[in-house]
N, C-alpha and C. Protein backbone atom coordinates (compact mmCIF):
# COMPACT_ATOMS: atom_id res chain seq x y z
N MET A 1 6.52 5.42 17.80
CA MET A 1 7.04 6.69 17.37
C MET A 1 5.92 7.47 16.70
N LYS A 2 5.76 8.73 17.04
CA LYS A 2 4.70 9.57 16.47
C LYS A 2 5.26 10.37 15.30
N ASN A 3 4.38 10.63 14.33
CA ASN A 3 4.75 11.49 13.21
C ASN A 3 4.70 12.94 13.64
N GLN A 4 5.51 13.76 13.00
CA GLN A 4 5.52 15.19 13.26
C GLN A 4 4.22 15.80 12.75
N ARG A 5 3.59 16.64 13.54
CA ARG A 5 2.36 17.33 13.13
C ARG A 5 2.74 18.57 12.32
N ILE A 6 2.03 18.80 11.25
CA ILE A 6 2.28 19.95 10.39
C ILE A 6 1.03 20.81 10.38
N LYS A 7 1.18 22.11 10.63
CA LYS A 7 0.03 23.01 10.58
C LYS A 7 -0.37 23.20 9.12
N THR A 8 -1.68 23.25 8.91
CA THR A 8 -2.19 23.39 7.56
C THR A 8 -3.37 24.36 7.54
N ARG A 9 -3.67 24.88 6.37
CA ARG A 9 -4.82 25.78 6.25
C ARG A 9 -6.05 25.05 5.74
N VAL A 10 -5.95 23.76 5.59
CA VAL A 10 -7.10 22.96 5.17
C VAL A 10 -8.08 22.91 6.33
N PRO A 11 -9.39 23.10 6.06
CA PRO A 11 -10.36 23.04 7.17
C PRO A 11 -10.24 21.72 7.94
N SER A 12 -10.33 21.82 9.27
CA SER A 12 -10.12 20.64 10.09
C SER A 12 -11.10 19.52 9.79
N SER A 13 -12.27 19.84 9.24
CA SER A 13 -13.23 18.79 8.93
C SER A 13 -12.77 17.93 7.77
N ALA A 14 -11.75 18.39 7.04
CA ALA A 14 -11.28 17.64 5.87
C ALA A 14 -9.97 16.91 6.12
N ILE A 15 -9.53 16.86 7.37
CA ILE A 15 -8.20 16.32 7.64
C ILE A 15 -8.26 14.90 8.18
N VAL A 16 -7.34 14.10 7.67
CA VAL A 16 -7.07 12.77 8.19
C VAL A 16 -5.57 12.72 8.41
N ASN A 17 -5.15 12.40 9.61
CA ASN A 17 -3.73 12.31 9.92
C ASN A 17 -3.24 10.88 9.78
N LEU A 18 -2.09 10.72 9.15
CA LEU A 18 -1.41 9.43 9.10
C LEU A 18 -0.66 9.26 10.41
N LYS A 19 -1.01 8.23 11.18
CA LYS A 19 -0.34 7.98 12.45
C LYS A 19 0.87 7.06 12.27
N THR A 20 0.68 5.93 11.60
CA THR A 20 1.78 4.98 11.41
C THR A 20 1.60 4.21 10.11
N VAL A 21 2.72 3.74 9.58
CA VAL A 21 2.73 2.76 8.50
C VAL A 21 3.71 1.69 8.95
N ASN A 22 3.21 0.45 9.07
CA ASN A 22 4.05 -0.63 9.56
C ASN A 22 4.09 -1.78 8.57
N LEU A 23 5.28 -2.35 8.45
CA LEU A 23 5.45 -3.57 7.67
C LEU A 23 4.92 -4.71 8.53
N TYR A 24 3.92 -5.41 8.02
CA TYR A 24 3.29 -6.48 8.77
C TYR A 24 3.77 -7.85 8.30
N VAL A 25 3.88 -8.02 6.97
CA VAL A 25 4.35 -9.28 6.39
C VAL A 25 5.33 -8.94 5.27
N SER A 26 6.44 -9.65 5.23
CA SER A 26 7.37 -9.58 4.11
C SER A 26 7.92 -10.98 3.90
N ASN A 27 7.49 -11.61 2.81
CA ASN A 27 7.91 -12.97 2.51
C ASN A 27 8.49 -12.96 1.10
N PHE A 28 9.82 -13.04 1.02
CA PHE A 28 10.52 -12.95 -0.25
C PHE A 28 11.33 -14.22 -0.49
N THR A 29 11.12 -14.82 -1.65
CA THR A 29 11.92 -15.97 -2.06
C THR A 29 12.56 -15.62 -3.39
N ARG A 30 13.87 -15.57 -3.40
CA ARG A 30 14.61 -15.17 -4.59
C ARG A 30 14.59 -16.24 -5.66
N GLY A 31 14.79 -17.47 -5.26
CA GLY A 31 14.86 -18.55 -6.24
C GLY A 31 16.10 -18.42 -7.11
N GLU A 32 16.16 -19.23 -8.15
CA GLU A 32 17.26 -19.17 -9.11
C GLU A 32 16.89 -18.16 -10.19
N VAL A 33 17.30 -16.92 -9.97
CA VAL A 33 16.89 -15.84 -10.86
C VAL A 33 17.86 -15.72 -12.03
N GLU A 34 17.39 -16.05 -13.18
CA GLU A 34 18.12 -15.77 -14.42
C GLU A 34 17.42 -14.59 -15.09
N ASP A 35 16.14 -14.80 -15.34
CA ASP A 35 15.32 -13.76 -15.94
C ASP A 35 13.92 -13.91 -15.37
N LEU A 36 13.47 -12.89 -14.67
CA LEU A 36 12.14 -12.97 -14.07
C LEU A 36 11.04 -12.89 -15.12
N GLY A 37 11.37 -12.36 -16.27
CA GLY A 37 10.34 -12.19 -17.30
C GLY A 37 9.29 -11.20 -16.81
N GLU A 38 8.08 -11.40 -17.25
CA GLU A 38 7.00 -10.51 -16.85
C GLU A 38 6.47 -10.94 -15.48
N LEU A 39 6.32 -9.97 -14.60
CA LEU A 39 5.81 -10.26 -13.27
C LEU A 39 4.31 -10.01 -13.21
N LYS A 40 3.63 -10.85 -12.44
CA LYS A 40 2.20 -10.66 -12.20
C LYS A 40 2.07 -10.02 -10.83
N MET A 41 1.29 -8.94 -10.75
CA MET A 41 1.13 -8.21 -9.50
C MET A 41 -0.34 -8.19 -9.10
N GLU A 42 -0.61 -8.61 -7.87
CA GLU A 42 -1.95 -8.56 -7.29
C GLU A 42 -1.92 -7.63 -6.08
N VAL A 43 -2.91 -6.73 -5.99
CA VAL A 43 -3.01 -5.80 -4.86
C VAL A 43 -4.38 -5.96 -4.23
N ALA A 44 -4.41 -6.04 -2.90
CA ALA A 44 -5.67 -6.11 -2.17
C ALA A 44 -5.65 -5.09 -1.04
N ILE A 45 -6.77 -4.42 -0.86
CA ILE A 45 -6.89 -3.38 0.16
C ILE A 45 -8.08 -3.70 1.06
N SER A 46 -7.88 -3.58 2.38
CA SER A 46 -8.99 -3.77 3.30
C SER A 46 -8.95 -2.67 4.35
N VAL A 47 -10.12 -2.36 4.90
CA VAL A 47 -10.29 -1.24 5.81
C VAL A 47 -10.99 -1.70 7.07
N LYS A 48 -10.53 -1.19 8.22
CA LYS A 48 -11.22 -1.39 9.49
C LYS A 48 -11.47 -0.02 10.11
N ASP A 49 -12.73 0.37 10.13
CA ASP A 49 -13.11 1.67 10.71
C ASP A 49 -13.37 1.47 12.19
N LYS A 50 -12.63 2.21 13.02
CA LYS A 50 -12.76 2.07 14.47
C LYS A 50 -13.35 3.32 15.11
N GLY A 51 -14.11 4.07 14.33
CA GLY A 51 -14.71 5.31 14.85
C GLY A 51 -13.80 6.49 14.63
N HIS A 52 -13.00 6.82 15.65
CA HIS A 52 -12.09 7.98 15.55
C HIS A 52 -10.86 7.66 14.69
N ASP A 53 -10.44 6.41 14.70
CA ASP A 53 -9.29 5.95 13.91
C ASP A 53 -9.76 4.89 12.92
N PHE A 54 -8.94 4.65 11.93
CA PHE A 54 -9.19 3.52 11.04
C PHE A 54 -7.86 3.02 10.49
N THR A 55 -7.83 1.73 10.18
CA THR A 55 -6.60 1.14 9.63
C THR A 55 -6.88 0.67 8.21
N VAL A 56 -5.84 0.75 7.40
CA VAL A 56 -5.91 0.29 6.02
C VAL A 56 -4.77 -0.70 5.81
N SER A 57 -5.13 -1.88 5.35
CA SER A 57 -4.15 -2.92 5.05
C SER A 57 -4.02 -3.02 3.54
N GLU A 58 -2.79 -3.03 3.08
CA GLU A 58 -2.53 -3.21 1.65
C GLU A 58 -1.60 -4.40 1.47
N LYS A 59 -2.08 -5.38 0.71
CA LYS A 59 -1.29 -6.58 0.44
C LYS A 59 -0.90 -6.57 -1.03
N LEU A 60 0.34 -6.95 -1.28
CA LEU A 60 0.84 -7.04 -2.65
C LEU A 60 1.51 -8.39 -2.82
N GLU A 61 1.23 -9.04 -3.93
CA GLU A 61 1.87 -10.31 -4.24
C GLU A 61 2.43 -10.25 -5.65
N LEU A 62 3.72 -10.59 -5.76
CA LEU A 62 4.40 -10.65 -7.06
C LEU A 62 4.75 -12.10 -7.36
N THR A 63 4.47 -12.52 -8.58
CA THR A 63 4.87 -13.85 -9.03
C THR A 63 5.44 -13.75 -10.43
N SER A 64 6.24 -14.74 -10.78
CA SER A 64 6.85 -14.80 -12.11
C SER A 64 6.56 -16.16 -12.71
N GLU A 65 6.04 -16.16 -13.93
CA GLU A 65 5.77 -17.43 -14.60
C GLU A 65 7.05 -18.07 -15.13
N SER A 66 8.07 -17.23 -15.40
CA SER A 66 9.28 -17.78 -16.01
C SER A 66 10.37 -18.13 -15.00
N SER A 67 10.23 -17.72 -13.75
CA SER A 67 11.23 -18.04 -12.73
C SER A 67 10.54 -18.77 -11.59
N GLU A 68 10.73 -20.08 -11.55
CA GLU A 68 9.97 -20.90 -10.63
C GLU A 68 10.15 -20.56 -9.16
N GLY A 69 11.15 -20.35 -8.56
CA GLY A 69 11.23 -20.16 -7.11
C GLY A 69 10.93 -18.76 -6.64
N PHE A 70 10.71 -17.81 -7.52
CA PHE A 70 10.54 -16.41 -7.12
C PHE A 70 9.13 -16.14 -6.61
N SER A 71 9.05 -15.47 -5.47
CA SER A 71 7.77 -14.93 -4.99
C SER A 71 8.06 -13.80 -4.01
N PHE A 72 7.12 -12.88 -3.92
CA PHE A 72 7.26 -11.75 -3.00
C PHE A 72 5.87 -11.37 -2.53
N LYS A 73 5.68 -11.48 -1.21
CA LYS A 73 4.41 -11.08 -0.60
C LYS A 73 4.71 -10.03 0.45
N VAL A 74 3.98 -8.93 0.39
CA VAL A 74 4.17 -7.84 1.33
C VAL A 74 2.80 -7.39 1.82
N GLU A 75 2.72 -7.10 3.12
CA GLU A 75 1.53 -6.46 3.66
C GLU A 75 1.99 -5.33 4.57
N MET A 76 1.45 -4.16 4.32
CA MET A 76 1.71 -3.01 5.20
C MET A 76 0.37 -2.50 5.70
N ILE A 77 0.37 -2.07 6.94
CA ILE A 77 -0.84 -1.56 7.56
C ILE A 77 -0.59 -0.14 8.05
N ALA A 78 -1.48 0.75 7.66
CA ALA A 78 -1.39 2.15 8.07
C ALA A 78 -2.55 2.48 8.99
N GLU A 79 -2.26 3.29 9.99
CA GLU A 79 -3.31 3.75 10.90
C GLU A 79 -3.51 5.24 10.67
N PHE A 80 -4.77 5.62 10.51
CA PHE A 80 -5.13 7.01 10.27
C PHE A 80 -6.05 7.49 11.39
N GLU A 81 -6.00 8.80 11.64
CA GLU A 81 -6.81 9.42 12.66
C GLU A 81 -7.71 10.46 11.99
N LYS A 82 -9.00 10.39 12.27
CA LYS A 82 -9.94 11.40 11.76
C LYS A 82 -9.84 12.62 12.67
N VAL A 83 -9.73 13.80 12.06
CA VAL A 83 -9.60 15.03 12.83
C VAL A 83 -10.87 15.86 12.65
N GLY A 84 -11.37 16.39 13.74
CA GLY A 84 -12.57 17.22 13.68
C GLY A 84 -13.79 16.39 13.31
N ASP A 85 -14.64 16.97 12.52
CA ASP A 85 -15.88 16.31 12.10
C ASP A 85 -15.70 15.68 10.74
N PHE A 86 -14.76 14.77 10.63
CA PHE A 86 -14.51 14.09 9.35
C PHE A 86 -15.77 13.36 8.92
N VAL A 87 -16.29 13.72 7.76
CA VAL A 87 -17.53 13.11 7.29
C VAL A 87 -17.33 12.39 5.96
N GLY A 88 -16.12 12.40 5.46
CA GLY A 88 -15.85 11.75 4.18
C GLY A 88 -16.04 10.25 4.27
N PRO A 89 -16.32 9.62 3.14
CA PRO A 89 -16.44 8.16 3.15
C PRO A 89 -15.08 7.50 3.36
N VAL A 90 -14.94 6.76 4.46
CA VAL A 90 -13.68 6.12 4.81
C VAL A 90 -13.26 5.12 3.73
N GLU A 91 -14.21 4.38 3.17
CA GLU A 91 -13.87 3.39 2.14
C GLU A 91 -13.22 4.06 0.92
N GLU A 92 -13.79 5.18 0.49
CA GLU A 92 -13.24 5.88 -0.67
C GLU A 92 -11.85 6.44 -0.36
N PHE A 93 -11.69 7.10 0.79
CA PHE A 93 -10.39 7.63 1.17
C PHE A 93 -9.36 6.50 1.23
N SER A 94 -9.77 5.38 1.81
CA SER A 94 -8.85 4.26 1.99
C SER A 94 -8.40 3.66 0.67
N ASN A 95 -9.31 3.50 -0.26
CA ASN A 95 -8.99 2.89 -1.55
C ASN A 95 -8.30 3.83 -2.51
N LEU A 96 -8.38 5.12 -2.28
CA LEU A 96 -7.72 6.09 -3.16
C LEU A 96 -6.47 6.66 -2.49
N ASN A 97 -6.66 7.51 -1.51
CA ASN A 97 -5.55 8.22 -0.89
C ASN A 97 -4.64 7.31 -0.07
N ALA A 98 -5.25 6.57 0.86
CA ALA A 98 -4.46 5.71 1.74
C ALA A 98 -3.72 4.64 0.95
N ALA A 99 -4.39 4.06 -0.03
CA ALA A 99 -3.74 3.03 -0.86
C ALA A 99 -2.51 3.57 -1.56
N ALA A 100 -2.60 4.79 -2.08
CA ALA A 100 -1.46 5.40 -2.77
C ALA A 100 -0.32 5.69 -1.80
N ILE A 101 -0.66 6.13 -0.59
CA ILE A 101 0.37 6.41 0.42
C ILE A 101 1.10 5.12 0.80
N ILE A 102 0.35 4.07 1.10
CA ILE A 102 0.96 2.80 1.51
C ILE A 102 1.76 2.20 0.37
N TYR A 103 1.25 2.30 -0.84
CA TYR A 103 1.92 1.72 -2.01
C TYR A 103 3.32 2.30 -2.18
N ALA A 104 3.51 3.57 -1.88
CA ALA A 104 4.85 4.17 -1.97
C ALA A 104 5.83 3.46 -1.03
N TYR A 105 5.37 3.11 0.15
CA TYR A 105 6.22 2.38 1.10
C TYR A 105 6.50 0.96 0.59
N ILE A 106 5.50 0.33 0.01
CA ILE A 106 5.68 -1.02 -0.53
C ILE A 106 6.66 -1.00 -1.70
N ARG A 107 6.54 -0.01 -2.59
CA ARG A 107 7.47 0.11 -3.73
C ARG A 107 8.91 0.18 -3.23
N GLN A 108 9.13 1.01 -2.22
CA GLN A 108 10.48 1.18 -1.66
C GLN A 108 10.97 -0.13 -1.05
N HIS A 109 10.12 -0.80 -0.32
CA HIS A 109 10.50 -2.07 0.32
C HIS A 109 10.89 -3.12 -0.72
N VAL A 110 10.08 -3.26 -1.76
CA VAL A 110 10.36 -4.26 -2.80
C VAL A 110 11.67 -3.93 -3.51
N SER A 111 11.87 -2.68 -3.86
CA SER A 111 13.09 -2.27 -4.55
C SER A 111 14.34 -2.52 -3.70
N THR A 112 14.29 -2.12 -2.45
CA THR A 112 15.43 -2.28 -1.54
C THR A 112 15.73 -3.75 -1.27
N THR A 113 14.69 -4.54 -1.05
CA THR A 113 14.87 -5.96 -0.74
C THR A 113 15.48 -6.71 -1.93
N THR A 114 14.97 -6.47 -3.12
CA THR A 114 15.49 -7.18 -4.29
C THR A 114 16.92 -6.74 -4.62
N LEU A 115 17.22 -5.47 -4.44
CA LEU A 115 18.59 -5.00 -4.64
C LEU A 115 19.53 -5.65 -3.63
N GLY A 116 19.11 -5.73 -2.38
CA GLY A 116 19.91 -6.35 -1.34
C GLY A 116 20.10 -7.85 -1.53
N ALA A 117 19.23 -8.46 -2.34
CA ALA A 117 19.34 -9.89 -2.62
C ALA A 117 20.29 -10.18 -3.77
N GLY A 118 20.95 -9.13 -4.26
CA GLY A 118 21.93 -9.31 -5.33
C GLY A 118 21.32 -9.47 -6.71
N MET A 119 20.14 -8.95 -6.89
CA MET A 119 19.50 -9.02 -8.20
C MET A 119 19.14 -7.62 -8.66
N LYS A 120 18.76 -7.51 -9.90
CA LYS A 120 18.33 -6.22 -10.42
C LYS A 120 17.10 -5.79 -9.62
N PRO A 121 17.12 -4.56 -9.08
CA PRO A 121 15.98 -4.16 -8.23
C PRO A 121 14.68 -4.12 -9.02
N ILE A 122 13.62 -4.56 -8.38
CA ILE A 122 12.29 -4.51 -9.00
C ILE A 122 11.68 -3.16 -8.65
N ILE A 123 11.40 -2.37 -9.65
CA ILE A 123 10.74 -1.08 -9.47
C ILE A 123 9.28 -1.27 -9.87
N LEU A 124 8.40 -1.27 -8.90
CA LEU A 124 6.99 -1.47 -9.19
C LEU A 124 6.43 -0.29 -9.99
N PRO A 125 5.48 -0.56 -10.87
CA PRO A 125 4.90 0.53 -11.66
C PRO A 125 4.02 1.43 -10.81
N ILE A 126 3.79 2.64 -11.29
CA ILE A 126 2.85 3.53 -10.65
C ILE A 126 1.45 2.95 -10.87
N VAL A 127 0.62 2.99 -9.85
CA VAL A 127 -0.75 2.47 -9.95
C VAL A 127 -1.72 3.64 -9.86
N ASN A 128 -2.67 3.67 -10.77
CA ASN A 128 -3.73 4.67 -10.74
C ASN A 128 -4.84 4.11 -9.86
N PHE A 129 -4.82 4.46 -8.58
CA PHE A 129 -5.79 3.91 -7.65
C PHE A 129 -7.20 4.43 -7.90
N PHE A 130 -7.33 5.58 -8.53
CA PHE A 130 -8.66 6.08 -8.89
C PHE A 130 -9.31 5.14 -9.91
N GLU A 131 -8.58 4.79 -10.97
CA GLU A 131 -9.12 3.88 -11.98
C GLU A 131 -9.38 2.50 -11.39
N ARG A 132 -8.48 2.06 -10.54
CA ARG A 132 -8.65 0.75 -9.90
C ARG A 132 -9.91 0.72 -9.05
N PHE A 133 -10.14 1.79 -8.29
CA PHE A 133 -11.32 1.88 -7.42
C PHE A 133 -12.60 1.92 -8.26
N LYS A 134 -12.59 2.67 -9.36
CA LYS A 134 -13.76 2.73 -10.23
C LYS A 134 -14.13 1.35 -10.76
N LYS A 135 -13.12 0.55 -11.10
CA LYS A 135 -13.36 -0.80 -11.65
C LYS A 135 -13.88 -1.76 -10.59
N THR A 136 -13.43 -1.60 -9.35
CA THR A 136 -13.81 -2.54 -8.30
C THR A 136 -15.03 -2.10 -7.50
N LYS A 137 -15.41 -0.83 -7.63
CA LYS A 137 -16.55 -0.32 -6.87
C LYS A 137 -17.84 -0.92 -7.39
N LYS A 138 -18.68 -1.33 -6.46
CA LYS A 138 -19.98 -1.91 -6.83
C LYS A 138 -20.93 -0.79 -7.25
N PRO A 139 -21.67 -0.99 -8.35
CA PRO A 139 -22.64 0.03 -8.76
C PRO A 139 -23.70 0.26 -7.69
N GLU A 140 -24.08 1.52 -7.53
CA GLU A 140 -25.09 1.85 -6.50
C GLU A 140 -26.48 1.76 -7.04
């Protein structure tokens, strides 16, 4: 299924189109949930540049120290298309913009899945991907 194209006044050299966002992995174990306590969240982002297109994979893992059987692993992969003479750094776009776009889909998936499992829905916190990227970026 293709996304609807929207006309924009942004110069074509600055455009990246989102083609698809797909759920690749969803592994949820509810366990005996009394109180999840504080959840630990790990996020990993990887990029594959294919020239005209590139894909961004975002993996999220949730664990609870206080609830032994609980775990949630999600991976979503988005495909983007470079439009015109896109010259921006793909790694930076992927770790900032693409990561934030994919994370919104992951937040919705986690919330809906946990609610459907008969537990209080888990609402993931907002992530500042700019700060995260600054911390993980290697000094030049």
